[in-house]
Amino acid sequence: MYQALMSDRHDFVKLFLEQGFSLEDFLTIYMLEKLYTDQLKNLNSKVAIFNKMWEYNRSHRLPW
């Protein structure tokens, strides 16, 4: 499940859930933190791309 989430594989996540995978047991505070921090480290992740765009926008904002 971890790898499916990290790879943004919606089809596999759906399959896991349909087969009775327990998100309640999987998504501990530790696992949520690990998923979040590992996605931030992944330079190709949507989160990383969003953060780069956000920082670029903040640094190039016009002084109105």
Protein backbone atom coordinates (compact mmCIF):
# COMPACT_ATOMS: atom_id res chain seq x y z
CA MET A 1 0.00 0.00 0.00
CA TYR A 2 2.84 2.37 0.85
CA GLN A 3 4.41 1.99 -2.59
CA ALA A 4 1.04 2.36 -4.33
CA LEU A 5 0.43 5.62 -2.49
CA MET A 6 3.95 6.91 -3.13
CA SER A 7 3.65 6.07 -6.83
CA ASP A 8 0.23 7.73 -7.08
CA ARG A 9 -1.30 4.45 -8.28
CA HIS A 10 -5.01 5.00 -7.68
CA ASP A 11 -5.88 1.69 -9.32
CA PHE A 12 -3.79 -0.32 -6.86
CA VAL A 13 -5.05 1.63 -3.86
CA LYS A 14 -8.62 0.96 -4.97
CA LEU A 15 -7.80 -2.74 -5.43
CA PHE A 16 -6.30 -2.95 -1.94
CA LEU A 17 -9.38 -1.34 -0.43
CA GLU A 18 -11.76 -3.57 -2.38
CA GLN A 19 -9.87 -6.60 -1.06
CA GLY A 20 -10.44 -5.51 2.55
CA PHE A 21 -7.23 -3.64 3.30
CA SER A 22 -7.64 -1.73 6.58
CA LEU A 23 -6.70 1.93 6.26
CA GLU A 24 -7.39 2.34 9.96
CA ASP A 25 -4.58 -0.08 10.79
CA PHE A 26 -2.22 1.24 8.10
CA LEU A 27 -2.54 5.00 8.54
CA THR A 28 -0.94 5.51 11.91
CA ILE A 29 0.45 8.91 12.83
CA TYR A 30 3.91 7.56 12.02
CA MET A 31 2.83 6.34 8.57
CA LEU A 32 1.07 9.62 7.73
CA GLU A 33 4.22 11.51 8.68
CA LYS A 34 6.38 9.11 6.64
CA LEU A 35 4.14 9.43 3.57
CA TYR A 36 4.18 13.22 3.84
CA THR A 37 7.93 13.59 4.33
CA ASP A 38 8.80 11.00 1.71
CA GLN A 39 6.59 12.78 -0.83
CA LEU A 40 8.35 16.05 -0.05
CA LYS A 41 11.69 14.36 -0.77
CA ASN A 42 10.41 12.99 -4.09
CA LEU A 43 11.36 15.68 -6.61
CA ASN A 44 8.85 14.35 -9.15
CA SER A 45 5.91 14.36 -6.77
CA LYS A 46 3.01 16.73 -7.22
CA VAL A 47 3.65 18.11 -3.74
CA ALA A 48 7.27 18.95 -4.59
CA ILE A 49 6.26 20.58 -7.87
CA PHE A 50 3.59 22.62 -6.07
CA ASN A 51 6.11 23.70 -3.41
CA LYS A 52 8.62 24.79 -6.07
CA MET A 53 5.93 26.82 -7.84
CA TRP A 54 4.82 28.35 -4.54
CA GLU A 55 8.37 29.38 -3.60
CA TYR A 56 9.02 30.79 -7.07
CA ASN A 57 5.81 32.83 -6.88
CA ARG A 58 6.68 34.14 -3.42
CA SER A 59 10.18 35.20 -4.48
CA HIS A 60 8.99 36.93 -7.67
CA ARG A 61 5.97 38.72 -6.26
CA LEU A 62 5.56 42.31 -7.36
CA PRO A 63 5.76 44.90 -4.55
CA TRP A 64 2.38 46.62 -4.85
